[in-house]
PDB file of N, CA and C in Angstrom:
ATOM      1  N   MET A   1       1.001  -1.231   0.058  1.00  0.00           N
ATOM      2  CA  MET A   1      -0.106  -0.164   0.282  1.00  0.00           C
ATOM      3  C   MET A   1       0.725   1.084   0.204  1.00  0.00           C
ATOM      4  N   SER A   2       0.693   1.843  -0.850  1.00  0.00           N
ATOM      5  CA  SER A   2       1.433   3.564  -1.324  1.00  0.00           C
ATOM      6  C   SER A   2       1.052   4.168   0.298  1.00  0.00           C
ATOM      7  N   LYS A   3       2.078   5.286   0.315  1.00  0.00           N
ATOM      8  CA  LYS A   3       1.817   5.877   1.412  1.00  0.00           C
ATOM      9  C   LYS A   3       0.966   7.540   1.160  1.00  0.00           C
ATOM     10  N   ASN A   4       0.251   7.754   0.147  1.00  0.00           N
ATOM     11  CA  ASN A   4      -1.071   7.995  -0.157  1.00  0.00           C
ATOM     12  C   ASN A   4      -1.897   7.511  -0.475  1.00  0.00           C
ATOM     13  N   THR A   5      -1.617   6.271  -0.134  1.00  0.00           N
ATOM     14  CA  THR A   5      -3.317   5.753   0.535  1.00  0.00           C
ATOM     15  C   THR A   5      -3.301   5.655   1.363  1.00  0.00           C
ATOM     16  N   LEU A   6      -2.352   5.241   1.969  1.00  0.00           N
ATOM     17  CA  LEU A   6      -2.990   5.811   3.693  1.00  0.00           C
ATOM     18  C   LEU A   6      -3.122   6.673   4.511  1.00  0.00           C
ATOM     19  N   LYS A   7      -2.702   7.828   3.144  1.00  0.00           N
ATOM     20  CA  LYS A   7      -2.881   9.071   4.303  1.00  0.00           C
ATOM     21  C   LYS A   7      -4.642   8.986   4.034  1.00  0.00           C
ATOM     22  N   TYR A   8      -4.981   8.866   2.183  1.00  0.00           N
ATOM     23  CA  TYR A   8      -5.710   8.803   1.744  1.00  0.00           C
ATOM     24  C   TYR A   8      -7.700   8.233   3.163  1.00  0.00           C
ATOM     25  N   SER A   9      -7.070   6.779   3.509  1.00  0.00           N
ATOM     26  CA  SER A   9      -7.640   5.912   4.598  1.00  0.00           C
ATOM     27  C   SER A   9      -7.678   6.190   5.577  1.00  0.00           C
ATOM     28  N   ALA A  10      -6.742   7.154   6.210  1.00  0.00           N
ATOM     29  CA  ALA A  10      -6.904   7.895   7.249  1.00  0.00           C
ATOM     30  C   ALA A  10      -7.973   8.848   7.412  1.00  0.00           C
ATOM     31  N   GLN A  11      -7.193   9.950   6.272  1.00  0.00           N
ATOM     32  CA  GLN A  11      -8.563  10.774   6.105  1.00  0.00           C
ATOM     33  C   GLN A  11      -9.823  10.588   5.982  1.00  0.00           C
ATOM     34  N   SER A  12     -10.076   9.708   4.956  1.00  0.00           N
ATOM     35  CA  SER A  12     -11.396   8.698   4.912  1.00  0.00           C
ATOM     36  C   SER A  12     -12.339   8.086   6.377  1.00  0.00           C
ATOM     37  N   VAL A  13     -11.081   7.415   7.171  1.00  0.00           N
ATOM     38  CA  VAL A  13     -11.612   7.169   8.816  1.00  0.00           C
ATOM     39  C   VAL A  13     -11.994   7.944   9.659  1.00  0.00           C
ATOM     40  N   ARG A  14     -11.698   9.644   9.648  1.00  0.00           N
ATOM     41  CA  ARG A  14     -11.512  10.721  10.507  1.00  0.00           C
ATOM     42  C   ARG A  14     -12.949  11.199  10.402  1.00  0.00           C
ATOM     43  N   ASP A  15     -13.209  11.489   8.786  1.00  0.00           N
ATOM     44  CA  ASP A  15     -14.258  11.613   8.098  1.00  0.00           C
ATOM     45  C   ASP A  15     -15.308  11.328   8.759  1.00  0.00           C
ATOM     46  N   LEU A  16     -15.123   9.780   9.309  1.00  0.00           N
ATOM     47  CA  LEU A  16     -16.419   9.429   9.246  1.00  0.00           C
ATOM     48  C   LEU A  16     -17.067   9.347  10.686  1.00  0.00           C
ATOM     49  N   SER A  17     -16.394   9.693  11.298  1.00  0.00           N
ATOM     50  CA  SER A  17     -15.598   9.811  13.299  1.00  0.00           C
ATOM     51  C   SER A  17     -17.530  10.213  13.499  1.00  0.00           C
ATOM     52  N   ILE A  18     -17.820   9.430  14.780  1.00  0.00           N
ATOM     53  CA  ILE A  18     -18.969   9.848  15.228  1.00  0.00           C
ATOM     54  C   ILE A  18     -18.951  10.525  15.991  1.00  0.00           C
ATOM     55  N   PRO A  19     -19.783  11.707  16.058  1.00  0.00           N
ATOM     56  CA  PRO A  19     -19.816  13.290  17.157  1.00  0.00           C
ATOM     57  C   PRO A  19     -20.004  12.373  18.622  1.00  0.00           C
ATOM     58  N   GLU A  20     -19.773  12.919  19.363  1.00  0.00           N
ATOM     59  CA  GLU A  20     -20.800  12.428  21.238  1.00  0.00           C
ATOM     60  C   GLU A  20     -21.629  13.080  20.922  1.00  0.00           C
ATOM     61  N   GLY A  21     -22.509  12.566  21.228  1.00  0.00           N
ATOM     62  CA  GLY A  21     -24.413  12.678  21.583  1.00  0.00           C
ATOM     63  C   GLY A  21     -24.772  11.890  20.680  1.00  0.00           C
ATOM     64  N   ILE A  22     -23.740  11.121  19.807  1.00  0.00           N
ATOM     65  CA  ILE A  22     -24.938   9.889  19.001  1.00  0.00           C
ATOM     66  C   ILE A  22     -24.512   8.622  20.071  1.00  0.00           C
ATOM     67  N   ASN A  23     -24.864   7.701  20.467  1.00  0.00           N
ATOM     68  CA  ASN A  23     -24.763   6.895  21.240  1.00  0.00           C
ATOM     69  C   ASN A  23     -25.836   5.625  20.541  1.00  0.00           C
ATOM     70  N   SER A  24     -27.138   5.574  20.383  1.00  0.00           N
ATOM     71  CA  SER A  24     -27.619   3.920  19.464  1.00  0.00           C
ATOM     72  C   SER A  24     -26.648   3.543  18.632  1.00  0.00           C
ATOM     73  N   PRO A  25     -26.761   2.516  18.273  1.00  0.00           N
ATOM     74  CA  PRO A  25     -26.327   1.828  17.789  1.00  0.00           C
ATOM     75  C   PRO A  25     -26.457   1.944  15.859  1.00  0.00           C
ATOM     76  N   ASN A  26     -27.978   1.890  15.885  1.00  0.00           N
ATOM     77  CA  ASN A  26     -28.500   2.622  14.982  1.00  0.00           C
ATOM     78  C   ASN A  26     -28.340   4.064  14.240  1.00  0.00           C
ATOM     79  N   ALA A  27     -28.609   4.663  15.576  1.00  0.00           N
ATOM     80  CA  ALA A  27     -28.096   6.075  15.119  1.00  0.00           C
ATOM     81  C   ALA A  27     -26.236   6.480  14.543  1.00  0.00           C
ATOM     82  N   LYS A  28     -26.033   5.467  15.302  1.00  0.00           N
ATOM     83  CA  LYS A  28     -24.408   5.551  14.839  1.00  0.00           C
ATOM     84  C   LYS A  28     -24.261   4.922  13.244  1.00  0.00           C
ATOM     85  N   LEU A  29     -25.165   3.758  12.802  1.00  0.00           N
ATOM     86  CA  LEU A  29     -25.328   3.338  11.906  1.00  0.00           C
ATOM     87  C   LEU A  29     -25.558   4.177  11.038  1.00  0.00           C
ATOM     88  N   ILE A  30     -26.828   5.196  10.800  1.00  0.00           N
ATOM     89  CA  ILE A  30     -27.216   5.901  10.026  1.00  0.00           C
ATOM     90  C   ILE A  30     -26.610   7.017   9.916  1.00  0.00           C
ATOM     91  N   TYR A  31     -25.780   7.483  10.842  1.00  0.00           N
ATOM     92  CA  TYR A  31     -25.463   8.774  11.072  1.00  0.00           C
ATOM     93  C   TYR A  31     -23.891   8.775   9.427  1.00  0.00           C
ATOM     94  N   VAL A  32     -23.118   7.177  10.207  1.00  0.00           N
ATOM     95  CA  VAL A  32     -22.277   7.012   9.130  1.00  0.00           C
ATOM     96  C   VAL A  32     -21.984   6.671   7.942  1.00  0.00           C
ATOM     97  N   TYR A  33     -23.387   6.162   7.809  1.00  0.00           N
ATOM     98  CA  TYR A  33     -24.261   6.218   6.599  1.00  0.00           C
ATOM     99  C   TYR A  33     -24.434   7.296   5.514  1.00  0.00           C
ATOM    100  N   LEU A  34     -24.910   8.717   6.234  1.00  0.00           N
ATOM    101  CA  LEU A  34     -24.767   9.316   5.461  1.00  0.00           C
ATOM    102  C   LEU A  34     -23.316  10.426   5.158  1.00  0.00           C
ATOM    103  N   LYS A  35     -22.491   9.857   5.965  1.00  0.00           N
ATOM    104  CA  LYS A  35     -21.580  10.597   6.145  1.00  0.00           C
ATOM    105  C   LYS A  35     -20.638   9.716   4.925  1.00  0.00           C
ATOM    106  N   SER A  36     -21.021   8.831   4.655  1.00  0.00           N
ATOM    107  CA  SER A  36     -20.281   7.914   3.846  1.00  0.00           C
ATOM    108  C   SER A  36     -21.409   7.989   2.644  1.00  0.00           C
ATOM    109  N   VAL A  37     -22.331   8.413   2.202  1.00  0.00           N
ATOM    110  CA  VAL A  37     -22.667   8.776   0.811  1.00  0.00           C
ATOM    111  C   VAL A  37     -23.205   9.839   0.575  1.00  0.00           C
ATOM    112  N   LYS A  38     -22.232  10.803   1.542  1.00  0.00           N
ATOM    113  CA  LYS A  38     -23.232  12.502   1.476  1.00  0.00           C
ATOM    114  C   LYS A  38     -24.321  12.676   1.753  1.00  0.00           C
ATOM    115  N   SER A  39     -25.796  11.857   0.784  1.00  0.00           N
ATOM    116  CA  SER A  39     -27.291  12.250   1.424  1.00  0.00           C
ATOM    117  C   SER A  39     -27.858  11.081   0.767  1.00  0.00           C
ATOM    118  N   ALA A  40     -29.136  10.971   0.593  1.00  0.00           N
ATOM    119  CA  ALA A  40     -29.683   9.676   0.621  1.00  0.00           C
ATOM    120  C   ALA A  40     -31.218  10.265   1.211  1.00  0.00           C
ATOM    121  N   THR A  41     -32.492   9.283   0.110  1.00  0.00           N
ATOM    122  CA  THR A  41     -33.636   9.326   0.418  1.00  0.00           C
ATOM    123  C   THR A  41     -33.712   8.474   2.001  1.00  0.00           C
ATOM    124  N   ILE A  42     -34.967   8.605   2.369  1.00  0.00           N
ATOM    125  CA  ILE A  42     -35.168   7.516   3.606  1.00  0.00           C
ATOM    126  C   ILE A  42     -35.537   6.119   2.437  1.00  0.00           C
ATOM    127  N   ASP A  43     -35.999   5.884   1.397  1.00  0.00           N
ATOM    128  CA  ASP A  43     -35.795   4.838   0.394  1.00  0.00           C
ATOM    129  C   ASP A  43     -34.218   4.255   0.278  1.00  0.00           C
ATOM    130  N   GLN A  44     -33.220   4.972  -0.357  1.00  0.00           N
ATOM    131  CA  GLN A  44     -32.399   4.539  -0.051  1.00  0.00           C
ATOM    132  C   GLN A  44     -31.695   3.978   1.623  1.00  0.00           C
ATOM    133  N   LEU A  45     -31.687   4.797   2.344  1.00  0.00           N
ATOM    134  CA  LEU A  45     -31.002   4.520   3.494  1.00  0.00           C
ATOM    135  C   LEU A  45     -31.418   3.520   3.982  1.00  0.00           C
ATOM    136  N   CYS A  46     -32.752   3.584   4.011  1.00  0.00           N
ATOM    137  CA  CYS A  46     -33.505   1.874   4.682  1.00  0.00           C
ATOM    138  C   CYS A  46     -33.206   0.492   3.926  1.00  0.00           C
ATOM    139  N   SER A  47     -32.932   0.841   2.633  1.00  0.00           N
ATOM    140  CA  SER A  47     -32.873  -0.562   1.420  1.00  0.00           C
ATOM    141  C   SER A  47     -31.493  -0.525   1.974  1.00  0.00           C
ATOM    142  N   SER A  48     -30.073   0.139   1.942  1.00  0.00           N
ATOM    143  CA  SER A  48     -28.933  -0.274   1.594  1.00  0.00           C
ATOM    144  C   SER A  48     -28.281  -0.508   3.426  1.00  0.00           C
ATOM    145  N   LEU A  49     -29.377  -0.345   4.496  1.00  0.00           N
ATOM    146  CA  LEU A  49     -29.331  -0.241   5.752  1.00  0.00           C
ATOM    147  C   LEU A  49     -29.911  -1.800   6.240  1.00  0.00           C
ATOM    148  N   GLY A  50     -30.706  -2.218   5.509  1.00  0.00           N
ATOM    149  CA  GLY A  50     -31.566  -2.935   5.923  1.00  0.00           C
ATOM    150  C   GLY A  50     -32.380  -2.857   7.270  1.00  0.00           C
ATOM    151  N   LEU A  51     -32.564  -1.367   7.095  1.00  0.00           N
ATOM    152  CA  LEU A  51     -33.839  -1.425   8.491  1.00  0.00           C
ATOM    153  C   LEU A  51     -35.678  -1.286   7.844  1.00  0.00           C
ATOM    154  N   LYS A  52     -36.100  -1.299   9.011  1.00  0.00           N
ATOM    155  CA  LYS A  52     -37.559  -0.704   8.098  1.00  0.00           C
ATOM    156  C   LYS A  52     -38.001   0.673   8.527  1.00  0.00           C
ATOM    157  N   LYS A  53     -38.654   1.036   7.678  1.00  0.00           N
ATOM    158  CA  LYS A  53     -38.922   2.550   8.056  1.00  0.00           C
ATOM    159  C   LYS A  53     -39.295   3.169   9.532  1.00  0.00           C
ATOM    160  N   LEU A  54     -40.468   2.408  10.116  1.00  0.00           N
ATOM    161  CA  LEU A  54     -40.956   2.497  11.657  1.00  0.00           C
ATOM    162  C   LEU A  54     -39.267   2.398  12.312  1.00  0.00           C
ATOM    163  N   THR A  55     -38.405   1.710  12.296  1.00  0.00           N
ATOM    164  CA  THR A  55     -37.610   2.239  13.404  1.00  0.00           C
ATOM    165  C   THR A  55     -36.447   2.746  12.322  1.00  0.00           C
ATOM    166  N   ALA A  56     -35.997   3.361  11.271  1.00  0.00           N
ATOM    167  CA  ALA A  56     -35.757   5.071  11.031  1.00  0.00           C
ATOM    168  C   ALA A  56     -36.289   6.206  10.924  1.00  0.00           C
ATOM    169  N   PHE A  57     -37.399   6.366  11.103  1.00  0.00           N
ATOM    170  CA  PHE A  57     -37.977   7.410  10.903  1.00  0.00           C
ATOM    171  C   PHE A  57     -38.136   7.969  12.621  1.00  0.00           C
ATOM    172  N   PRO A  58     -38.332   7.826  13.695  1.00  0.00           N
ATOM    173  CA  PRO A  58     -37.565   8.014  14.843  1.00  0.00           C
ATOM    174  C   PRO A  58     -35.947   8.741  14.810  1.00  0.00           C
ATOM    175  N   ILE A  59     -35.626   7.622  14.613  1.00  0.00           N
ATOM    176  CA  ILE A  59     -33.965   7.874  14.865  1.00  0.00           C
ATOM    177  C   ILE A  59     -33.683   9.184  13.726  1.00  0.00           C
ATOM    178  N   ILE A  60     -34.005   8.896  12.944  1.00  0.00           N
ATOM    179  CA  ILE A  60     -33.821  10.526  11.828  1.00  0.00           C
ATOM    180  C   ILE A  60     -33.680  11.732  12.115  1.00  0.00           C
ATOM    181  N   SER A  61     -35.533  11.629  12.986  1.00  0.00           N
ATOM    182  CA  SER A  61     -35.830  12.409  13.733  1.00  0.00           C
ATOM    183  C   SER A  61     -34.928  13.234  14.881  1.00  0.00           C
ATOM    184  N   SER A  62     -34.725  11.785  15.274  1.00  0.00           N
ATOM    185  CA  SER A  62     -33.972  12.750  16.697  1.00  0.00           C
ATOM    186  C   SER A  62     -32.726  13.421  16.530  1.00  0.00           C
ATOM    187  N   LEU A  63     -31.592  12.432  15.613  1.00  0.00           N
ATOM    188  CA  LEU A  63     -30.664  13.430  14.697  1.00  0.00           C
ATOM    189  C   LEU A  63     -30.974  14.627  14.145  1.00  0.00           C
ATOM    190  N   ARG A  64     -32.307  14.796  13.301  1.00  0.00           N
ATOM    191  CA  ARG A  64     -32.658  15.924  13.360  1.00  0.00           C
ATOM    192  C   ARG A  64     -32.779  17.306  14.075  1.00  0.00           C
ATOM    193  N   LYS A  65     -33.406  16.756  14.938  1.00  0.00           N
ATOM    194  CA  LYS A  65     -33.430  17.986  16.337  1.00  0.00           C
ATOM    195  C   LYS A  65     -32.077  17.853  17.083  1.00  0.00           C
ATOM    196  N   SER A  66     -31.162  16.635  17.089  1.00  0.00           N
ATOM    197  CA  SER A  66     -30.015  17.064  17.544  1.00  0.00           C
ATOM    198  C   SER A  66     -29.141  17.871  17.227  1.00  0.00           C
ATOM    199  N   GLY A  67     -29.154  18.488  15.983  1.00  0.00           N
ATOM    200  CA  GLY A  67     -28.661  19.278  15.014  1.00  0.00           C
ATOM    201  C   GLY A  67     -27.311  18.007  14.142  1.00  0.00           C
ATOM    202  N   PHE A  68     -27.778  16.785  13.882  1.00  0.00           N
ATOM    203  CA  PHE A  68     -26.777  15.991  13.385  1.00  0.00           C
ATOM    204  C   PHE A  68     -26.662  15.711  11.486  1.00  0.00           C
ATOM    205  N   ILE A  69     -28.208  15.615  11.119  1.00  0.00           N
ATOM    206  CA  ILE A  69     -28.108  15.822   9.654  1.00  0.00           C
ATOM    207  C   ILE A  69     -29.294  16.614   9.793  1.00  0.00           C
ATOM    208  N   GLU A  70     -29.974  16.694   7.981  1.00  0.00           N
ATOM    209  CA  GLU A  70     -30.754  17.557   7.789  1.00  0.00           C
ATOM    210  C   GLU A  70     -31.381  17.524   6.906  1.00  0.00           C
ATOM    211  N   LYS A  71     -32.825  17.965   6.418  1.00  0.00           N
ATOM    212  CA  LYS A  71     -33.390  17.653   4.812  1.00  0.00           C
ATOM    213  C   LYS A  71     -33.454  18.488   4.576  1.00  0.00           C
ATOM    214  N   LEU A  72     -33.776  18.234   2.961  1.00  0.00           N
ATOM    215  CA  LEU A  72     -33.839  19.142   2.632  1.00  0.00           C
ATOM    216  C   LEU A  72     -34.766  18.324   0.834  1.00  0.00           C
ATOM    217  N   ASP A  73     -35.698  18.631   0.705  1.00  0.00           N
ATOM    218  CA  ASP A  73     -36.703  18.120   0.362  1.00  0.00           C
ATOM    219  C   ASP A  73     -37.215  17.148   0.690  1.00  0.00           C
ATOM    220  N   ASP A  74     -36.889  15.523   0.329  1.00  0.00           N
ATOM    221  CA  ASP A  74     -36.776  14.131   0.488  1.00  0.00           C
ATOM    222  C   ASP A  74     -35.543  13.545   0.331  1.00  0.00           C
ATOM    223  N   ILE A  75     -34.219  14.550   0.751  1.00  0.00           N
ATOM    224  CA  ILE A  75     -32.805  13.944   0.915  1.00  0.00           C
ATOM    225  C   ILE A  75     -32.558  14.230   2.529  1.00  0.00           C
ATOM    226  N   TYR A  76     -31.723  12.948   2.589  1.00  0.00           N
ATOM    227  CA  TYR A  76     -31.474  13.434   4.569  1.00  0.00           C
ATOM    228  C   TYR A  76     -29.999  13.596   4.160  1.00  0.00           C
ATOM    229  N   LYS A  77     -29.101  14.728   4.471  1.00  0.00           N
ATOM    230  CA  LYS A  77     -27.401  15.110   4.252  1.00  0.00           C
ATOM    231  C   LYS A  77     -26.936  14.945   5.925  1.00  0.00           C
ATOM    232  N   PRO A  78     -26.023  14.559   6.292  1.00  0.00           N
ATOM    233  CA  PRO A  78     -25.284  15.218   7.359  1.00  0.00           C
ATOM    234  C   PRO A  78     -24.769  16.590   7.823  1.00  0.00           C
ATOM    235  N   THR A  79     -24.623  16.839   9.110  1.00  0.00           N
ATOM    236  CA  THR A  79     -24.409  18.495   8.755  1.00  0.00           C
ATOM    237  C   THR A  79     -22.959  19.083  10.126  1.00  0.00           C
ATOM    238  N   LYS A  80     -22.668  17.838  10.141  1.00  0.00           N
ATOM    239  CA  LYS A  80     -21.615  17.867  10.793  1.00  0.00           C
ATOM    240  C   LYS A  80     -20.391  16.503  10.260  1.00  0.00           C
TER     241      LYS A  80
END
């Protein structure tokens, strides 16, 4: 592995770090997923993560209220 590849990999891991205040495993999963893909609809998120909408909606609502993600039209994006 080249030095540049290692440097890029290390930066990618830092970019996916989970802020304090996100405690539940599913909330962490949703946050990291959104950080990695940059944005997603609820259908994309649930399909990719194998979550039901009934599970995802309250978590997304909590993450939005806490300021960790935002919703623009039908697209969710991380804010931090």
